[in-house]
Amino acid sequence: MEFVPVPEPCRAAQAKLIEQVAQKIHRYGLEVPAIFFGEAMKPASFALGQAMHAFSFLPEAYFGREDLWQQLGFMLDDRSQVEKLLVRLEELAKSR
C-alpha cells in the first residue's frame, strides 16, 4: 500500500463537511452532548487532528475511506473550523 497524502480541503469543502457533520449529529439529537464535548476538547483539537493524520492508515485498511478521515483531521487542526461546527450545532439545537 502506497501513502498518498490528501491535500488540505478548500474553505468551501470544509464548510460542506461541517454542515454534513452537524446534520448527522442533529439527526440523532445529540447536539447538546456534542457541543459540551466540543467545548471541552477545543484546546486539544489540534493534537487530536494530528493524531487523526498519524493514524489515517487505519480507516483505509478497514473501510477504504482515508480521505474523509483526513478531512476531519484538517477540520480539527483549525480551531476556527471547530468553532464553526459548534456554532452550527447551537443553531440546529435552537431550531428543535
N, C-alpha and C. Protein backbone atom coordinates (compact mmCIF):
# COMPACT_ATOMS: atom_id res chain seq x y z
N MET A 1 0.84 -1.16 0.00
CA MET A 1 0.00 0.00 0.00
C MET A 1 0.89 1.23 0.00
N GLU A 2 0.60 2.16 -0.85
CA GLU A 2 1.40 3.37 -1.00
C GLU A 2 0.71 4.53 -0.29
N PHE A 3 1.49 5.33 0.43
CA PHE A 3 0.95 6.51 1.11
C PHE A 3 0.81 7.64 0.12
N VAL A 4 -0.39 8.15 0.00
CA VAL A 4 -0.67 9.30 -0.85
C VAL A 4 -1.33 10.35 0.03
N PRO A 5 -0.63 11.46 0.32
CA PRO A 5 -1.21 12.46 1.20
C PRO A 5 -2.43 13.13 0.56
N VAL A 6 -3.41 13.40 1.37
CA VAL A 6 -4.62 14.08 0.92
C VAL A 6 -4.38 15.57 1.07
N PRO A 7 -4.63 16.37 0.02
CA PRO A 7 -4.42 17.81 0.14
C PRO A 7 -5.45 18.43 1.09
N GLU A 8 -5.04 19.50 1.73
CA GLU A 8 -5.96 20.19 2.64
C GLU A 8 -7.14 20.73 1.83
N PRO A 9 -8.37 20.48 2.29
CA PRO A 9 -9.54 20.92 1.53
C PRO A 9 -9.69 22.44 1.55
N CYS A 10 -10.34 22.98 0.52
CA CYS A 10 -10.59 24.41 0.45
C CYS A 10 -11.68 24.77 1.47
N ARG A 11 -11.88 26.04 1.69
CA ARG A 11 -12.86 26.51 2.68
C ARG A 11 -14.28 26.04 2.34
N ALA A 12 -14.62 26.01 1.06
CA ALA A 12 -15.96 25.56 0.66
C ALA A 12 -16.16 24.09 1.00
N ALA A 13 -15.13 23.29 0.78
CA ALA A 13 -15.23 21.86 1.11
C ALA A 13 -15.30 21.68 2.62
N GLN A 14 -14.58 22.50 3.38
CA GLN A 14 -14.65 22.41 4.83
C GLN A 14 -16.02 22.82 5.34
N ALA A 15 -16.60 23.86 4.73
CA ALA A 15 -17.95 24.29 5.13
C ALA A 15 -18.97 23.19 4.85
N LYS A 16 -18.82 22.51 3.73
CA LYS A 16 -19.72 21.41 3.39
C LYS A 16 -19.56 20.27 4.40
N LEU A 17 -18.33 19.96 4.77
CA LEU A 17 -18.07 18.91 5.75
C LEU A 17 -18.65 19.27 7.11
N ILE A 18 -18.50 20.52 7.51
CA ILE A 18 -19.06 20.98 8.78
C ILE A 18 -20.57 20.80 8.77
N GLU A 19 -21.21 21.16 7.68
CA GLU A 19 -22.67 21.01 7.58
C GLU A 19 -23.08 19.54 7.63
N GLN A 20 -22.33 18.68 6.95
CA GLN A 20 -22.65 17.25 6.97
C GLN A 20 -22.52 16.68 8.38
N VAL A 21 -21.45 17.03 9.07
CA VAL A 21 -21.24 16.54 10.44
C VAL A 21 -22.34 17.07 11.36
N ALA A 22 -22.66 18.36 11.24
CA ALA A 22 -23.69 18.96 12.09
C ALA A 22 -25.05 18.32 11.83
N GLN A 23 -25.39 18.07 10.58
CA GLN A 23 -26.68 17.44 10.27
C GLN A 23 -26.75 16.01 10.79
N LYS A 24 -25.64 15.29 10.72
CA LYS A 24 -25.61 13.91 11.23
C LYS A 24 -25.83 13.92 12.75
N ILE A 25 -25.17 14.82 13.45
CA ILE A 25 -25.34 14.92 14.90
C ILE A 25 -26.77 15.34 15.23
N HIS A 26 -27.32 16.29 14.46
CA HIS A 26 -28.69 16.77 14.67
C HIS A 26 -29.70 15.66 14.43
N ARG A 27 -29.47 14.83 13.45
CA ARG A 27 -30.38 13.74 13.13
C ARG A 27 -30.57 12.81 14.33
N TYR A 28 -29.51 12.60 15.08
CA TYR A 28 -29.58 11.73 16.25
C TYR A 28 -29.94 12.49 17.53
N GLY A 29 -30.11 13.80 17.45
CA GLY A 29 -30.49 14.60 18.61
C GLY A 29 -29.40 14.73 19.65
N LEU A 30 -28.16 14.74 19.21
CA LEU A 30 -27.03 14.78 20.14
C LEU A 30 -26.30 16.12 20.12
N GLU A 31 -27.03 17.19 19.83
CA GLU A 31 -26.38 18.49 19.73
C GLU A 31 -25.75 18.92 21.05
N VAL A 32 -26.51 18.80 22.15
CA VAL A 32 -26.01 19.28 23.45
C VAL A 32 -24.78 18.50 23.91
N PRO A 33 -24.80 17.15 23.88
CA PRO A 33 -23.57 16.45 24.26
C PRO A 33 -22.39 16.76 23.33
N ALA A 34 -22.68 16.94 22.04
CA ALA A 34 -21.60 17.24 21.09
C ALA A 34 -21.01 18.62 21.36
N ILE A 35 -21.86 19.60 21.68
CA ILE A 35 -21.37 20.94 22.00
C ILE A 35 -20.54 20.90 23.28
N PHE A 36 -21.05 20.20 24.29
CA PHE A 36 -20.31 20.07 25.55
C PHE A 36 -18.94 19.44 25.32
N PHE A 37 -18.92 18.33 24.61
CA PHE A 37 -17.67 17.63 24.34
C PHE A 37 -16.75 18.50 23.47
N GLY A 38 -17.31 19.18 22.47
CA GLY A 38 -16.51 20.03 21.60
C GLY A 38 -15.86 21.18 22.34
N GLU A 39 -16.63 21.82 23.23
CA GLU A 39 -16.08 22.92 24.02
C GLU A 39 -14.99 22.42 24.97
N ALA A 40 -15.22 21.25 25.55
CA ALA A 40 -14.23 20.71 26.49
C ALA A 40 -12.94 20.30 25.79
N MET A 41 -13.06 19.81 24.56
CA MET A 41 -11.90 19.30 23.85
C MET A 41 -11.28 20.32 22.88
N LYS A 42 -11.85 21.52 22.81
CA LYS A 42 -11.33 22.52 21.88
C LYS A 42 -9.85 22.82 22.08
N PRO A 43 -9.35 22.93 23.32
CA PRO A 43 -7.91 23.18 23.48
C PRO A 43 -7.03 22.06 22.92
N ALA A 44 -7.55 20.85 22.89
CA ALA A 44 -6.76 19.71 22.40
C ALA A 44 -7.08 19.36 20.95
N SER A 45 -7.88 20.19 20.28
CA SER A 45 -8.32 19.83 18.93
C SER A 45 -7.16 19.69 17.95
N PHE A 46 -6.14 20.52 18.08
CA PHE A 46 -5.01 20.42 17.16
C PHE A 46 -4.30 19.08 17.33
N ALA A 47 -4.06 18.69 18.58
CA ALA A 47 -3.40 17.40 18.84
C ALA A 47 -4.26 16.23 18.34
N LEU A 48 -5.57 16.34 18.52
CA LEU A 48 -6.47 15.28 18.02
C LEU A 48 -6.42 15.21 16.50
N GLY A 49 -6.39 16.36 15.85
CA GLY A 49 -6.29 16.38 14.39
C GLY A 49 -5.00 15.75 13.90
N GLN A 50 -3.90 16.05 14.60
CA GLN A 50 -2.62 15.45 14.22
C GLN A 50 -2.63 13.94 14.43
N ALA A 51 -3.28 13.49 15.50
CA ALA A 51 -3.39 12.05 15.75
C ALA A 51 -4.21 11.38 14.65
N MET A 52 -5.25 12.07 14.18
CA MET A 52 -6.05 11.51 13.09
C MET A 52 -5.21 11.36 11.82
N HIS A 53 -4.35 12.34 11.56
CA HIS A 53 -3.47 12.23 10.39
C HIS A 53 -2.48 11.08 10.57
N ALA A 54 -1.94 10.94 11.78
CA ALA A 54 -0.94 9.90 12.04
C ALA A 54 -1.53 8.50 11.89
N PHE A 55 -2.78 8.34 12.27
CA PHE A 55 -3.41 7.02 12.21
C PHE A 55 -4.39 6.90 11.06
N SER A 56 -4.19 7.68 10.01
CA SER A 56 -5.12 7.66 8.88
C SER A 56 -5.07 6.35 8.09
N PHE A 57 -4.05 5.55 8.32
CA PHE A 57 -3.98 4.27 7.61
C PHE A 57 -5.03 3.28 8.13
N LEU A 58 -5.51 3.45 9.35
CA LEU A 58 -6.49 2.51 9.92
C LEU A 58 -7.83 2.54 9.18
N PRO A 59 -8.44 3.71 8.96
CA PRO A 59 -9.70 3.70 8.21
C PRO A 59 -9.52 3.18 6.79
N GLU A 60 -8.37 3.46 6.20
CA GLU A 60 -8.10 2.96 4.85
C GLU A 60 -8.07 1.44 4.85
N ALA A 61 -7.45 0.87 5.85
CA ALA A 61 -7.33 -0.59 5.92
C ALA A 61 -8.68 -1.26 6.16
N TYR A 62 -9.53 -0.63 6.95
CA TYR A 62 -10.79 -1.27 7.32
C TYR A 62 -11.98 -0.82 6.47
N PHE A 63 -12.01 0.45 6.09
CA PHE A 63 -13.19 0.99 5.42
C PHE A 63 -12.93 1.53 4.03
N GLY A 64 -11.67 1.79 3.69
CA GLY A 64 -11.36 2.37 2.39
C GLY A 64 -11.73 3.84 2.28
N ARG A 65 -11.80 4.57 3.43
CA ARG A 65 -12.21 5.97 3.43
C ARG A 65 -11.19 6.86 4.12
N GLU A 66 -9.94 6.74 3.74
CA GLU A 66 -8.89 7.55 4.37
C GLU A 66 -9.11 9.03 4.11
N ASP A 67 -9.63 9.41 2.94
CA ASP A 67 -9.78 10.82 2.60
C ASP A 67 -10.73 11.54 3.56
N LEU A 68 -11.85 10.92 3.90
CA LEU A 68 -12.79 11.54 4.83
C LEU A 68 -12.16 11.70 6.21
N TRP A 69 -11.44 10.69 6.65
CA TRP A 69 -10.76 10.72 7.94
C TRP A 69 -9.77 11.88 7.98
N GLN A 70 -9.00 12.05 6.91
CA GLN A 70 -8.01 13.14 6.89
C GLN A 70 -8.69 14.50 6.80
N GLN A 71 -9.81 14.59 6.09
CA GLN A 71 -10.54 15.86 6.03
C GLN A 71 -11.05 16.25 7.41
N LEU A 72 -11.53 15.27 8.18
CA LEU A 72 -11.93 15.55 9.56
C LEU A 72 -10.73 15.98 10.39
N GLY A 73 -9.58 15.38 10.13
CA GLY A 73 -8.35 15.79 10.81
C GLY A 73 -7.98 17.23 10.50
N PHE A 74 -8.13 17.64 9.23
CA PHE A 74 -7.85 19.03 8.86
C PHE A 74 -8.82 19.97 9.56
N MET A 75 -10.09 19.55 9.70
CA MET A 75 -11.07 20.38 10.39
C MET A 75 -10.67 20.56 11.86
N LEU A 76 -10.20 19.50 12.50
CA LEU A 76 -9.79 19.60 13.90
C LEU A 76 -8.51 20.39 14.08
N ASP A 77 -7.65 20.41 13.06
CA ASP A 77 -6.40 21.18 13.14
C ASP A 77 -6.65 22.68 13.30
N ASP A 78 -7.76 23.16 12.76
CA ASP A 78 -8.06 24.59 12.74
C ASP A 78 -9.17 24.87 13.76
N ARG A 79 -8.84 25.55 14.83
CA ARG A 79 -9.83 25.81 15.89
C ARG A 79 -11.00 26.65 15.40
N SER A 80 -10.77 27.50 14.41
CA SER A 80 -11.89 28.29 13.89
C SER A 80 -12.92 27.40 13.21
N GLN A 81 -12.47 26.31 12.59
CA GLN A 81 -13.41 25.36 11.98
C GLN A 81 -14.19 24.60 13.06
N VAL A 82 -13.53 24.27 14.15
CA VAL A 82 -14.21 23.61 15.27
C VAL A 82 -15.27 24.55 15.83
N GLU A 83 -14.93 25.82 15.96
CA GLU A 83 -15.88 26.81 16.46
C GLU A 83 -17.07 26.95 15.52
N LYS A 84 -16.84 26.93 14.22
CA LYS A 84 -17.94 27.00 13.25
C LYS A 84 -18.87 25.80 13.41
N LEU A 85 -18.31 24.63 13.64
CA LEU A 85 -19.13 23.43 13.85
C LEU A 85 -19.97 23.59 15.11
N LEU A 86 -19.38 24.08 16.18
CA LEU A 86 -20.12 24.25 17.43
C LEU A 86 -21.23 25.29 17.29
N VAL A 87 -20.96 26.37 16.58
CA VAL A 87 -21.98 27.40 16.35
C VAL A 87 -23.12 26.82 15.52
N ARG A 88 -22.79 26.05 14.51
CA ARG A 88 -23.84 25.43 13.67
C ARG A 88 -24.68 24.45 14.50
N LEU A 89 -24.04 23.70 15.39
CA LEU A 89 -24.79 22.78 16.25
C LEU A 89 -25.72 23.55 17.19
N GLU A 90 -25.26 24.70 17.70
CA GLU A 90 -26.12 25.53 18.55
C GLU A 90 -27.33 26.03 17.77
N GLU A 91 -27.12 26.44 16.52
CA GLU A 91 -28.24 26.89 15.68
C GLU A 91 -29.24 25.76 15.47
N LEU A 92 -28.75 24.57 15.19
CA LEU A 92 -29.64 23.43 14.97
C LEU A 92 -30.38 23.05 16.25
N ALA A 93 -29.70 23.17 17.40
CA ALA A 93 -30.35 22.84 18.67
C ALA A 93 -31.48 23.82 18.98
N LYS A 94 -31.28 25.10 18.64
CA LYS A 94 -32.32 26.11 18.88
C LYS A 94 -33.52 25.91 17.96
N SER A 95 -33.31 25.32 16.80
CA SER A 95 -34.41 25.15 15.84
C SER A 95 -35.31 23.97 16.18
N ARG A 96 -34.92 23.16 17.14
CA ARG A 96 -35.76 22.00 17.54
C ARG A 96 -36.99 22.43 18.24
